[in-house]
Amino acid sequence: MEDLAKQMMMPGMAFQWTGLTLDEIEGSGKALIIFGLGLLVIYLTLSAQYESFALPFIILLAVPMAVLGALGAIDLRSMSNDVYCQIGLVM
């Protein structure tokens, strides 16, 4: 969109992103950091609950298999991997 605007707009004109689009542009690339911090918080919470540093790994290693199964089912049914799907996977 930005490339198209630069090609089509007359000199002196400008554009500005607002609302959700601005939030998405500013937040791009930060998903990995947020995901890593989320895993750390979950690991520490499970460690405190089970009073062990080894047992939470069993639970944390089972979760990716469930996510892969859910993504496989979504792909099998030709559904879109949109924001609602990703929120459901996180939950």
Protein backbone atom coordinates (compact mmCIF):
# COMPACT_ATOMS: atom_id res chain seq x y z
CA MET A 1 0.00 0.00 0.00
CA GLU A 2 2.84 2.36 0.86
CA ASP A 3 4.59 1.64 -2.45
CA LEU A 4 1.38 2.24 -4.38
CA ALA A 5 0.78 5.51 -2.53
CA LYS A 6 4.30 6.71 -3.30
CA GLN A 7 3.77 5.96 -6.99
CA MET A 8 0.29 7.46 -7.36
CA MET A 9 0.26 10.50 -5.05
CA MET A 10 1.17 13.93 -6.30
CA PRO A 11 4.26 15.66 -4.87
CA GLY A 12 3.57 17.33 -1.55
CA MET A 13 0.89 14.82 -0.53
CA ALA A 14 1.37 12.49 2.42
CA PHE A 15 -0.48 9.74 4.22
CA GLN A 16 -0.57 8.46 7.76
CA TRP A 17 -1.62 5.12 9.24
CA THR A 18 -4.09 5.26 12.15
CA GLY A 19 -6.06 2.93 14.37
CA LEU A 20 -5.59 -0.83 14.17
CA THR A 21 -3.37 -0.63 11.12
CA LEU A 22 -0.92 1.62 12.96
CA ASP A 23 -0.92 -0.78 15.92
CA GLU A 24 -0.23 -3.74 13.62
CA ILE A 25 2.64 -1.94 11.88
CA GLU A 26 4.22 -0.88 15.18
CA GLY A 27 3.77 -4.33 16.70
CA SER A 28 5.16 -6.35 13.82
CA GLY A 29 8.24 -8.34 14.71
CA LYS A 30 7.54 -8.34 18.43
CA ALA A 31 5.50 -11.55 18.46
CA LEU A 32 8.53 -13.76 19.08
CA ILE A 33 9.61 -11.73 22.10
CA ILE A 34 6.11 -11.77 23.56
CA PHE A 35 5.78 -15.51 22.92
CA GLY A 36 9.13 -16.18 24.62
CA LEU A 37 8.20 -14.12 27.66
CA GLY A 38 4.86 -15.91 27.83
CA LEU A 39 6.61 -19.29 27.83
CA LEU A 40 8.95 -18.10 30.60
CA VAL A 41 6.03 -16.94 32.77
CA ILE A 42 4.19 -20.21 32.20
CA TYR A 43 7.31 -22.24 33.02
CA LEU A 44 7.93 -20.31 36.24
CA THR A 45 4.28 -20.62 37.25
CA LEU A 46 4.29 -24.37 36.67
CA SER A 47 7.60 -24.70 38.50
CA ALA A 48 6.11 -22.97 41.52
CA GLN A 49 2.97 -25.09 41.35
CA TYR A 50 4.76 -28.46 41.02
CA GLU A 51 7.75 -27.42 43.16
CA SER A 52 10.08 -28.84 40.53
CA PHE A 53 12.06 -27.45 37.62
CA ALA A 54 11.83 -30.67 35.54
CA LEU A 55 8.09 -31.45 35.58
CA PRO A 56 6.95 -28.30 33.70
CA PHE A 57 9.01 -29.42 30.69
CA ILE A 58 6.70 -32.42 30.26
CA ILE A 59 3.69 -30.13 30.03
CA LEU A 60 5.44 -27.54 27.88
CA LEU A 61 6.57 -30.20 25.39
CA ALA A 62 3.05 -31.60 25.05
CA VAL A 63 1.57 -28.24 24.12
CA PRO A 64 3.34 -27.87 20.72
CA MET A 65 1.91 -31.21 19.62
CA ALA A 66 -1.59 -30.02 20.45
CA VAL A 67 -1.00 -26.76 18.56
CA LEU A 68 0.30 -28.65 15.53
CA GLY A 69 -2.78 -30.86 15.62
CA ALA A 70 -5.07 -27.84 15.78
CA LEU A 71 -3.25 -26.12 12.91
CA GLY A 72 -3.44 -29.34 10.90
CA ALA A 73 -7.20 -29.52 11.47
CA ILE A 74 -7.59 -25.88 10.44
CA ASP A 75 -5.60 -26.52 7.27
CA LEU A 76 -7.52 -29.73 6.56
CA ARG A 77 -10.84 -27.87 6.72
CA SER A 78 -9.46 -24.99 4.60
CA MET A 79 -10.17 -22.44 7.33
CA SER A 80 -8.20 -19.22 7.70
CA ASN A 81 -5.48 -18.74 10.31
CA ASP A 82 -6.71 -15.31 11.41
CA VAL A 83 -6.51 -13.41 14.68
CA TYR A 84 -9.40 -15.34 16.21
CA CYS A 85 -7.72 -18.64 15.42
CA GLN A 86 -4.45 -17.49 16.97
CA ILE A 87 -6.21 -16.27 20.12
CA GLY A 88 -7.90 -19.66 20.39
CA LEU A 89 -4.56 -21.42 20.07
CA VAL A 90 -3.07 -19.27 22.82
CA MET A 91 -6.01 -19.98 25.10
